[in-house]
């Protein structure tokens, strides 16, 4: 049985997220696994994701989003030794849920580039305690 991949926003989950979210700042945790090769561009997934980030950066800036961290996990310190790590981790802070929602719905937002670059991903909404 093939492993299921998650690349695009689930409309039901986003609707629930938008309804329940407070006006507190939010951090979106992105976990990504890159494709070895992106057929549409001939680039590696990592190269294609960097192109997505380059084209998405004006949308992040317009949303007053702050990239807190973009890097690669290296060592599993707590957890199963045989579990593979994600290729990269990205933490982005938004001042409000509405900023995130406006950004991802903006005309021209390059979500398709993100989906092309990735084999699998997770996008997790986090709030401060």
Protein backbone atom coordinates (compact mmCIF):
# COMPACT_ATOMS: atom_id res chain seq x y z
CA UNK A 1 0.00 0.00 0.00
CA UNK A 2 1.33 3.43 -0.97
CA UNK A 3 1.98 5.96 1.74
CA UNK A 4 -0.39 8.95 1.61
CA UNK A 5 1.14 12.36 1.00
CA UNK A 6 -0.20 15.71 2.11
CA UNK A 7 0.62 18.66 -0.10
CA UNK A 8 -2.39 20.96 -0.24
CA UNK A 9 -4.51 22.71 2.34
CA UNK A 10 -7.61 20.77 3.35
CA UNK A 11 -10.57 23.20 2.99
CA UNK A 12 -12.48 21.69 5.95
CA UNK A 13 -9.45 21.92 8.24
CA UNK A 14 -8.76 25.51 7.15
CA UNK A 15 -12.38 26.50 7.74
CA UNK A 16 -12.25 25.00 11.23
CA UNK A 17 -8.89 26.70 11.88
CA UNK A 18 -10.24 30.10 10.78
CA UNK A 19 -13.35 29.79 12.99
CA UNK A 20 -11.54 28.72 16.17
CA UNK A 21 -8.44 30.86 15.94
CA UNK A 22 -7.98 33.78 18.31
CA UNK A 23 -6.44 37.16 17.65
CA UNK A 24 -3.15 36.01 19.18
CA UNK A 25 -0.06 35.71 17.00
CA UNK A 26 0.27 32.29 15.43
CA UNK A 27 3.23 30.24 14.31
CA UNK A 28 2.89 27.84 11.43
CA UNK A 29 5.15 24.80 11.65
CA UNK A 30 5.99 23.45 8.20
CA UNK A 31 7.56 20.00 7.88
CA UNK A 32 8.66 19.14 4.35
CA UNK A 33 10.03 16.19 2.37
CA UNK A 34 11.31 17.09 -1.06
CA UNK A 35 10.87 15.23 -4.32
CA UNK A 36 14.14 13.92 -5.75
CA UNK A 37 13.27 15.55 -9.10
CA UNK A 38 10.47 17.92 -10.10
CA UNK A 39 9.44 16.90 -13.63
CA UNK A 40 7.86 20.30 -14.40
CA UNK A 41 11.14 22.18 -13.85
CA UNK A 42 13.95 19.63 -13.94
CA UNK A 43 15.10 20.92 -10.55
CA UNK A 44 15.50 18.95 -7.35
CA UNK A 45 12.68 19.36 -4.86
CA UNK A 46 14.92 21.40 -2.59
CA UNK A 47 15.84 23.75 -5.45
CA UNK A 48 12.18 24.05 -6.44
CA UNK A 49 11.18 24.81 -2.83
CA UNK A 50 13.77 27.58 -2.70
CA UNK A 51 12.14 29.00 -5.86
CA UNK A 52 8.74 28.76 -4.14
CA UNK A 53 10.15 30.64 -1.12
CA UNK A 54 11.66 33.31 -3.39
CA UNK A 55 8.31 33.86 -5.13
CA UNK A 56 6.30 33.61 -1.90
CA UNK A 57 8.49 36.09 0.03
CA UNK A 58 6.59 39.20 -1.19
CA UNK A 59 3.38 37.57 0.06
CA UNK A 60 5.02 36.86 3.44
CA UNK A 61 6.19 40.47 3.63
CA UNK A 62 2.76 41.86 2.73
CA UNK A 63 1.25 39.68 5.50
CA UNK A 64 3.87 40.97 7.97
CA UNK A 65 4.96 37.37 8.44
CA UNK A 66 8.30 36.61 10.02
CA UNK A 67 10.31 33.52 9.10
CA UNK A 68 11.59 32.46 12.52
CA UNK A 69 13.52 29.41 11.34
CA UNK A 70 14.24 27.60 8.09
CA UNK A 71 16.63 24.69 8.39
CA UNK A 72 17.22 20.97 8.43
CA UNK A 73 16.71 18.57 11.34
CA UNK A 74 19.87 16.59 12.01
CA UNK A 75 19.50 14.26 15.00
CA UNK A 76 16.63 12.46 16.68
CA UNK A 77 17.23 12.91 20.41
CA UNK A 78 13.83 11.73 21.64
CA UNK A 79 11.94 9.33 19.45
CA UNK A 80 12.41 6.17 17.44
CA UNK A 81 15.91 5.76 16.06
CA UNK A 82 14.65 4.28 12.81
CA UNK A 83 12.17 7.11 12.03
CA UNK A 84 13.31 9.24 9.13
CA UNK A 85 13.50 12.96 9.75
CA UNK A 86 11.82 15.58 7.61
CA UNK A 87 14.09 17.21 5.03
CA UNK A 88 13.47 20.73 6.31
CA UNK A 89 11.53 22.62 8.96
CA UNK A 90 10.11 26.09 8.54
CA UNK A 91 8.57 28.21 11.32
CA UNK A 92 6.65 31.31 10.22
CA UNK A 93 5.03 33.77 12.64
CA UNK A 94 1.92 35.73 11.68
CA UNK A 95 0.42 38.51 13.80
CA UNK A 96 -3.05 37.02 13.37
CA UNK A 97 -4.82 34.15 11.65
CA UNK A 98 -6.36 36.68 9.27
CA UNK A 99 -2.89 37.60 8.00
CA UNK A 100 -2.19 33.97 7.13
CA UNK A 101 -5.61 33.49 5.53
CA UNK A 102 -5.28 36.64 3.42
CA UNK A 103 -1.83 35.56 2.27
CA UNK A 104 -2.75 32.05 1.14
CA UNK A 105 -5.87 33.32 -0.64
CA UNK A 106 -4.06 36.19 -2.39
CA UNK A 107 -4.12 36.24 -6.16
CA UNK A 108 -0.81 34.97 -7.49
CA UNK A 109 0.29 33.19 -4.30
CA UNK A 110 2.55 30.38 -5.64
CA UNK A 111 1.08 27.40 -3.74
CA UNK A 112 1.45 25.28 -6.88
CA UNK A 113 5.26 25.65 -6.68
CA UNK A 114 5.22 24.37 -3.12
CA UNK A 115 3.15 21.34 -4.14
CA UNK A 116 5.42 20.63 -7.13
CA UNK A 117 8.55 20.65 -4.96
CA UNK A 118 7.29 18.36 -2.22
CA UNK A 119 6.82 14.65 -1.79
CA UNK A 120 5.04 15.16 1.54
CA UNK A 121 4.43 17.91 4.08
CA UNK A 122 2.67 18.94 7.26
CA UNK A 123 1.44 22.42 8.14
CA UNK A 124 0.66 22.78 11.84
CA UNK A 125 -0.92 25.82 13.49
CA UNK A 126 0.69 26.72 16.83
CA UNK A 127 -0.30 29.35 19.38
CA UNK A 128 1.59 30.64 22.41
CA UNK A 129 0.53 29.21 25.78
